[in-house]
Amino acid sequence: MPERNEWRLRLKNIGKRALALLHGAPKTGDEIPMQDEHPTAVRARFSRRQLFRSAAVAVGAAALLAETSTPALALMPQKAAGYQDMPKGKQMCSNCSHFEPPAACGLVAGKISAKGWCRFYAAKS
């Protein structure tokens, strides 16, 4: 009769595992071992949903990092910046922090006059 008791234990253990699967994973993180397994054996559970969710987060983070690490190289057209060849009072390109001598600007495209002005004027400090 020992064989019959062994089968009873196995069926009882399988029933416990089935109930655990129906009600979700055990909250303590412990797996219910089979009769042949070591009692402290714990197997990691990864579902396809978790795998795809993690992959989506990783791809999104990589896209975000790639977008933010690319420097903006496009300069604004003179008309959009409100550029004029004359100074506005004491404000002129030669006194601006964006001006790059002899005739360029870090923000505005095209040839820039040292005596010109635009709405992005920022005094040199």
N, C-alpha and C. Protein backbone atom coordinates (compact mmCIF):
# COMPACT_ATOMS: atom_id res chain seq x y z
N MET A 1 0.78 -1.21 0.00
CA MET A 1 0.00 0.00 0.00
C MET A 1 0.82 1.28 0.00
N PRO A 2 2.12 1.21 0.16
CA PRO A 2 2.88 2.46 0.15
C PRO A 2 2.75 3.18 -1.19
N GLU A 3 2.55 2.42 -2.25
CA GLU A 3 2.41 3.05 -3.57
C GLU A 3 1.15 3.91 -3.63
N ARG A 4 0.08 3.43 -3.01
CA ARG A 4 -1.17 4.19 -2.99
C ARG A 4 -1.01 5.50 -2.22
N ASN A 5 -0.31 5.50 -1.10
CA ASN A 5 -0.07 6.72 -0.33
C ASN A 5 0.80 7.72 -1.11
N GLU A 6 1.74 7.17 -1.85
CA GLU A 6 2.59 8.04 -2.66
C GLU A 6 1.76 8.77 -3.71
N TRP A 7 0.84 8.06 -4.35
CA TRP A 7 -0.02 8.69 -5.36
C TRP A 7 -0.95 9.72 -4.73
N ARG A 8 -1.42 9.43 -3.53
CA ARG A 8 -2.27 10.40 -2.82
C ARG A 8 -1.51 11.69 -2.56
N LEU A 9 -0.26 11.56 -2.12
CA LEU A 9 0.55 12.76 -1.86
C LEU A 9 0.78 13.55 -3.14
N ARG A 10 1.06 12.84 -4.23
CA ARG A 10 1.28 13.53 -5.51
C ARG A 10 0.03 14.26 -5.98
N LEU A 11 -1.13 13.60 -5.90
CA LEU A 11 -2.38 14.24 -6.30
C LEU A 11 -2.70 15.44 -5.41
N LYS A 12 -2.44 15.31 -4.13
CA LYS A 12 -2.69 16.41 -3.21
C LYS A 12 -1.79 17.60 -3.56
N ASN A 13 -0.53 17.32 -3.87
CA ASN A 13 0.43 18.36 -4.24
C ASN A 13 0.03 19.03 -5.56
N ILE A 14 -0.40 18.23 -6.53
CA ILE A 14 -0.84 18.78 -7.81
C ILE A 14 -2.06 19.65 -7.61
N GLY A 15 -2.96 19.26 -6.74
CA GLY A 15 -4.14 20.06 -6.43
C GLY A 15 -3.77 21.41 -5.83
N LYS A 16 -2.78 21.40 -4.94
CA LYS A 16 -2.32 22.66 -4.34
C LYS A 16 -1.74 23.58 -5.40
N ARG A 17 -0.96 23.01 -6.32
CA ARG A 17 -0.37 23.82 -7.39
C ARG A 17 -1.46 24.38 -8.30
N ALA A 18 -2.47 23.57 -8.62
CA ALA A 18 -3.56 24.03 -9.48
C ALA A 18 -4.32 25.18 -8.81
N LEU A 19 -4.59 25.06 -7.52
CA LEU A 19 -5.27 26.14 -6.80
C LEU A 19 -4.41 27.41 -6.78
N ALA A 20 -3.13 27.24 -6.59
CA ALA A 20 -2.23 28.39 -6.57
C ALA A 20 -2.23 29.09 -7.93
N LEU A 21 -2.26 28.33 -9.00
CA LEU A 21 -2.29 28.92 -10.34
C LEU A 21 -3.62 29.61 -10.60
N LEU A 22 -4.71 29.05 -10.12
CA LEU A 22 -6.03 29.67 -10.31
C LEU A 22 -6.14 30.99 -9.57
N HIS A 23 -5.58 31.05 -8.40
CA HIS A 23 -5.67 32.25 -7.56
C HIS A 23 -4.48 33.18 -7.71
N GLY A 24 -3.65 32.97 -8.70
CA GLY A 24 -2.46 33.79 -8.90
C GLY A 24 -1.28 33.18 -8.19
N ALA A 25 -0.14 33.82 -8.38
CA ALA A 25 1.09 33.33 -7.78
C ALA A 25 1.02 33.47 -6.26
N PRO A 26 1.64 32.59 -5.53
CA PRO A 26 1.67 32.73 -4.07
C PRO A 26 2.28 34.07 -3.68
N LYS A 27 1.70 34.72 -2.68
CA LYS A 27 2.12 36.07 -2.30
C LYS A 27 3.48 36.10 -1.62
N THR A 28 3.89 35.00 -1.07
CA THR A 28 5.18 34.98 -0.38
C THR A 28 6.33 34.78 -1.33
N GLY A 29 6.07 34.47 -2.58
CA GLY A 29 7.12 34.23 -3.55
C GLY A 29 7.60 32.79 -3.55
N ASP A 30 7.04 31.95 -2.66
CA ASP A 30 7.44 30.55 -2.60
C ASP A 30 6.61 29.73 -3.56
N GLU A 31 7.26 28.86 -4.28
CA GLU A 31 6.58 27.93 -5.16
C GLU A 31 6.15 26.73 -4.34
N ILE A 32 5.09 26.07 -4.76
CA ILE A 32 4.68 24.82 -4.11
C ILE A 32 5.43 23.71 -4.82
N PRO A 33 6.38 23.05 -4.13
CA PRO A 33 7.21 22.05 -4.81
C PRO A 33 6.45 20.77 -5.10
N MET A 34 6.84 20.11 -6.17
CA MET A 34 6.32 18.77 -6.45
C MET A 34 7.01 17.80 -5.50
N GLN A 35 6.51 16.58 -5.43
CA GLN A 35 7.06 15.59 -4.51
C GLN A 35 8.54 15.33 -4.80
N ASP A 36 8.92 15.32 -6.10
CA ASP A 36 10.29 14.99 -6.47
C ASP A 36 11.23 16.18 -6.36
N GLU A 37 10.70 17.38 -6.22
CA GLU A 37 11.54 18.57 -6.16
C GLU A 37 12.03 18.81 -4.74
N HIS A 38 13.10 19.54 -4.66
CA HIS A 38 13.62 19.94 -3.36
C HIS A 38 12.66 20.98 -2.78
N PRO A 39 12.34 20.94 -1.50
CA PRO A 39 11.34 21.85 -0.93
C PRO A 39 11.69 23.34 -1.07
N THR A 40 12.96 23.68 -1.12
CA THR A 40 13.33 25.08 -1.21
C THR A 40 13.55 25.54 -2.65
N ALA A 41 13.31 24.68 -3.62
CA ALA A 41 13.52 25.05 -5.02
C ALA A 41 12.48 26.09 -5.44
N VAL A 42 12.95 27.18 -5.99
CA VAL A 42 12.07 28.25 -6.46
C VAL A 42 12.40 28.52 -7.91
N ARG A 43 11.38 28.53 -8.77
CA ARG A 43 11.59 28.81 -10.18
C ARG A 43 11.05 30.18 -10.50
N ALA A 44 11.80 30.92 -11.31
CA ALA A 44 11.35 32.25 -11.72
C ALA A 44 10.22 32.11 -12.73
N ARG A 45 9.22 32.95 -12.62
CA ARG A 45 8.10 32.95 -13.56
C ARG A 45 8.13 34.24 -14.36
N PHE A 46 8.22 34.13 -15.66
CA PHE A 46 8.14 35.28 -16.55
C PHE A 46 7.06 35.01 -17.57
N SER A 47 6.10 35.89 -17.64
CA SER A 47 5.06 35.72 -18.65
C SER A 47 5.44 36.48 -19.90
N ARG A 48 4.82 36.13 -21.00
CA ARG A 48 5.07 36.85 -22.25
C ARG A 48 4.66 38.31 -22.10
N ARG A 49 3.59 38.56 -21.38
CA ARG A 49 3.13 39.93 -21.17
C ARG A 49 4.20 40.77 -20.46
N GLN A 50 4.82 40.22 -19.43
CA GLN A 50 5.88 40.92 -18.73
C GLN A 50 7.08 41.16 -19.64
N LEU A 51 7.42 40.18 -20.46
CA LEU A 51 8.53 40.30 -21.38
C LEU A 51 8.29 41.41 -22.39
N PHE A 52 7.09 41.43 -23.00
CA PHE A 52 6.78 42.46 -23.99
C PHE A 52 6.69 43.85 -23.35
N ARG A 53 6.16 43.91 -22.14
CA ARG A 53 6.05 45.20 -21.44
C ARG A 53 7.45 45.75 -21.15
N SER A 54 8.35 44.89 -20.69
CA SER A 54 9.73 45.32 -20.41
C SER A 54 10.44 45.74 -21.69
N ALA A 55 10.21 45.00 -22.78
CA ALA A 55 10.84 45.36 -24.05
C ALA A 55 10.32 46.70 -24.54
N ALA A 56 9.02 46.96 -24.39
CA ALA A 56 8.45 48.23 -24.83
C ALA A 56 9.03 49.39 -24.03
N VAL A 57 9.21 49.21 -22.74
CA VAL A 57 9.80 50.26 -21.90
C VAL A 57 11.24 50.52 -22.33
N ALA A 58 12.00 49.47 -22.61
CA ALA A 58 13.39 49.62 -23.01
C ALA A 58 13.50 50.34 -24.36
N VAL A 59 12.64 49.98 -25.30
CA VAL A 59 12.67 50.64 -26.62
C VAL A 59 12.27 52.11 -26.48
N GLY A 60 11.27 52.39 -25.67
CA GLY A 60 10.85 53.78 -25.46
C GLY A 60 11.94 54.61 -24.81
N ALA A 61 12.62 54.05 -23.84
CA ALA A 61 13.70 54.77 -23.17
C ALA A 61 14.86 55.03 -24.14
N ALA A 62 15.18 54.05 -24.97
CA ALA A 62 16.25 54.22 -25.94
C ALA A 62 15.90 55.30 -26.95
N ALA A 63 14.65 55.34 -27.40
CA ALA A 63 14.22 56.37 -28.35
C ALA A 63 14.27 57.75 -27.72
N LEU A 64 13.87 57.85 -26.46
CA LEU A 64 13.90 59.13 -25.76
C LEU A 64 15.32 59.62 -25.58
N LEU A 65 16.23 58.73 -25.20
CA LEU A 65 17.63 59.12 -25.04
C LEU A 65 18.27 59.52 -26.37
N ALA A 66 17.93 58.81 -27.43
CA ALA A 66 18.49 59.14 -28.74
C ALA A 66 18.00 60.50 -29.22
N GLU A 67 16.75 60.82 -28.92
CA GLU A 67 16.18 62.10 -29.35
C GLU A 67 16.78 63.27 -28.57
N THR A 68 16.98 63.11 -27.28
CA THR A 68 17.48 64.21 -26.46
C THR A 68 18.98 64.41 -26.60
N SER A 69 19.71 63.40 -27.04
CA SER A 69 21.16 63.56 -27.15
C SER A 69 21.59 64.16 -28.48
N THR A 70 20.66 64.33 -29.44
CA THR A 70 20.99 64.91 -30.73
C THR A 70 20.93 66.43 -30.63
N PRO A 71 22.02 67.15 -30.93
CA PRO A 71 21.99 68.60 -30.81
C PRO A 71 21.16 69.22 -31.94
N ALA A 72 20.57 70.36 -31.63
CA ALA A 72 19.79 71.09 -32.63
C ALA A 72 20.75 71.92 -33.46
N LEU A 73 20.84 71.63 -34.75
CA LEU A 73 21.76 72.32 -35.63
C LEU A 73 21.07 73.36 -36.50
N ALA A 74 19.77 73.31 -36.59
CA ALA A 74 19.05 74.22 -37.48
C ALA A 74 19.03 75.63 -36.90
N LEU A 75 19.38 76.60 -37.73
CA LEU A 75 19.34 78.00 -37.32
C LEU A 75 18.02 78.60 -37.79
N MET A 76 17.56 79.60 -37.06
CA MET A 76 16.31 80.27 -37.37
C MET A 76 16.51 81.27 -38.51
N PRO A 77 15.56 81.34 -39.44
CA PRO A 77 15.66 82.34 -40.51
C PRO A 77 15.62 83.76 -39.94
N GLN A 78 16.26 84.69 -40.62
CA GLN A 78 16.33 86.08 -40.14
C GLN A 78 14.95 86.68 -39.94
N LYS A 79 14.03 86.41 -40.85
CA LYS A 79 12.69 86.98 -40.75
C LYS A 79 11.97 86.48 -39.50
N ALA A 80 12.09 85.20 -39.18
CA ALA A 80 11.44 84.63 -38.00
C ALA A 80 12.04 85.18 -36.71
N ALA A 81 13.32 85.55 -36.72
CA ALA A 81 13.99 86.09 -35.54
C ALA A 81 13.75 87.59 -35.39
N GLY A 82 13.12 88.21 -36.39
CA GLY A 82 12.91 89.67 -36.35
C GLY A 82 14.21 90.43 -36.50
N TYR A 83 15.14 89.87 -37.29
CA TYR A 83 16.46 90.49 -37.48
C TYR A 83 16.34 91.76 -38.32
N GLN A 84 17.13 92.78 -37.93
CA GLN A 84 17.23 94.03 -38.70
C GLN A 84 18.69 94.46 -38.73
N ASP A 85 19.08 95.18 -39.79
CA ASP A 85 20.47 95.61 -39.94
C ASP A 85 20.84 96.78 -39.05
N MET A 86 19.89 97.38 -38.38
CA MET A 86 20.14 98.55 -37.52
C MET A 86 20.04 98.13 -36.06
N PRO A 87 20.79 98.82 -35.18
CA PRO A 87 20.68 98.50 -33.75
C PRO A 87 19.36 99.02 -33.17
N LYS A 88 18.98 98.50 -32.04
CA LYS A 88 17.80 98.98 -31.33
C LYS A 88 18.29 99.63 -30.04
N GLY A 89 18.48 100.93 -30.12
CA GLY A 89 19.07 101.66 -29.00
C GLY A 89 20.52 101.25 -28.83
N LYS A 90 20.88 100.84 -27.62
CA LYS A 90 22.25 100.38 -27.36
C LYS A 90 22.40 98.87 -27.61
N GLN A 91 21.31 98.21 -27.93
CA GLN A 91 21.36 96.77 -28.18
C GLN A 91 21.76 96.52 -29.64
N MET A 92 22.87 95.81 -29.83
CA MET A 92 23.31 95.44 -31.17
C MET A 92 24.04 94.12 -31.11
N CYS A 93 24.15 93.48 -32.25
CA CYS A 93 24.73 92.13 -32.31
C CYS A 93 26.15 92.05 -31.75
N SER A 94 26.95 93.09 -31.92
CA SER A 94 28.32 93.05 -31.42
C SER A 94 28.37 92.95 -29.89
N ASN A 95 27.29 93.33 -29.20
CA ASN A 95 27.21 93.24 -27.74
C ASN A 95 26.42 92.01 -27.28
N CYS A 96 25.98 91.18 -28.22
CA CYS A 96 25.13 90.02 -27.91
C CYS A 96 25.99 88.78 -27.63
N SER A 97 25.52 87.94 -26.70
CA SER A 97 26.25 86.71 -26.36
C SER A 97 26.15 85.65 -27.47
N HIS A 98 25.18 85.78 -28.37
CA HIS A 98 25.03 84.81 -29.46
C HIS A 98 25.85 85.17 -30.70
N PHE A 99 26.39 86.39 -30.74
CA PHE A 99 27.12 86.86 -31.92
C PHE A 99 28.46 86.16 -32.02
N GLU A 100 28.79 85.69 -33.25
CA GLU A 100 30.07 85.03 -33.52
C GLU A 100 30.80 85.83 -34.59
N PRO A 101 31.79 86.63 -34.19
CA PRO A 101 32.50 87.49 -35.15
C PRO A 101 33.11 86.67 -36.28
N PRO A 102 33.22 87.14 -37.46
CA PRO A 102 32.95 88.52 -37.87
C PRO A 102 31.50 88.76 -38.28
N ALA A 103 30.76 87.76 -38.75
CA ALA A 103 29.40 88.04 -39.23
C ALA A 103 28.49 86.82 -39.10
N ALA A 104 28.42 86.20 -37.93
CA ALA A 104 27.57 85.02 -37.74
C ALA A 104 26.88 85.08 -36.38
N CYS A 105 25.88 84.23 -36.23
CA CYS A 105 25.11 84.17 -34.98
C CYS A 105 24.85 82.70 -34.65
N GLY A 106 24.79 82.39 -33.38
CA GLY A 106 24.52 81.03 -32.95
C GLY A 106 23.07 80.63 -33.09
N LEU A 107 22.16 81.61 -33.28
CA LEU A 107 20.73 81.32 -33.38
C LEU A 107 20.12 81.65 -34.74
N VAL A 108 20.66 82.67 -35.40
CA VAL A 108 20.06 83.19 -36.63
C VAL A 108 20.92 82.81 -37.84
N ALA A 109 20.27 82.36 -38.90
CA ALA A 109 20.97 81.94 -40.12
C ALA A 109 21.34 83.15 -40.98
N GLY A 110 22.34 82.96 -41.81
CA GLY A 110 22.73 84.00 -42.77
C GLY A 110 23.82 84.90 -42.24
N LYS A 111 24.17 85.90 -43.09
CA LYS A 111 25.20 86.88 -42.72
C LYS A 111 24.59 87.90 -41.76
N ILE A 112 25.26 88.13 -40.66
CA ILE A 112 24.76 89.00 -39.60
C ILE A 112 25.68 90.22 -39.47
N SER A 113 25.10 91.39 -39.44
CA SER A 113 25.86 92.62 -39.25
C SER A 113 26.15 92.82 -37.77
N ALA A 114 27.35 93.30 -37.45
CA ALA A 114 27.72 93.57 -36.06
C ALA A 114 26.85 94.67 -35.47
N LYS A 115 26.28 95.52 -36.32
CA LYS A 115 25.41 96.59 -35.84
C LYS A 115 23.93 96.23 -35.97
N GLY A 116 23.64 94.97 -36.24
CA GLY A 116 22.26 94.53 -36.37
C GLY A 116 21.63 94.21 -35.01
N TRP A 117 20.36 93.74 -35.06
CA TRP A 117 19.63 93.42 -33.84
C TRP A 117 18.55 92.38 -34.16
N CYS A 118 18.21 91.51 -33.21
CA CYS A 118 17.06 90.61 -33.33
C CYS A 118 16.41 90.45 -31.97
N ARG A 119 15.25 89.82 -31.96
CA ARG A 119 14.49 89.70 -30.70
C ARG A 119 15.12 88.73 -29.70
N PHE A 120 16.16 88.02 -30.10
CA PHE A 120 16.85 87.09 -29.20
C PHE A 120 18.11 87.72 -28.59
N TYR A 121 18.20 89.03 -28.64
CA TYR A 121 19.36 89.73 -28.10
C TYR A 121 19.55 89.38 -26.62
N ALA A 122 20.78 89.03 -26.28
CA ALA A 122 21.15 88.74 -24.88
C ALA A 122 22.50 89.39 -24.63
N ALA A 123 22.53 90.36 -23.73
CA ALA A 123 23.76 91.09 -23.47
C ALA A 123 24.87 90.15 -22.99
N LYS A 124 26.10 90.43 -23.44
CA LYS A 124 27.26 89.66 -22.95
C LYS A 124 27.46 89.93 -21.49
N SER A 125 27.83 88.90 -20.75
CA SER A 125 28.06 89.12 -19.32
C SER A 125 29.52 89.18 -18.99
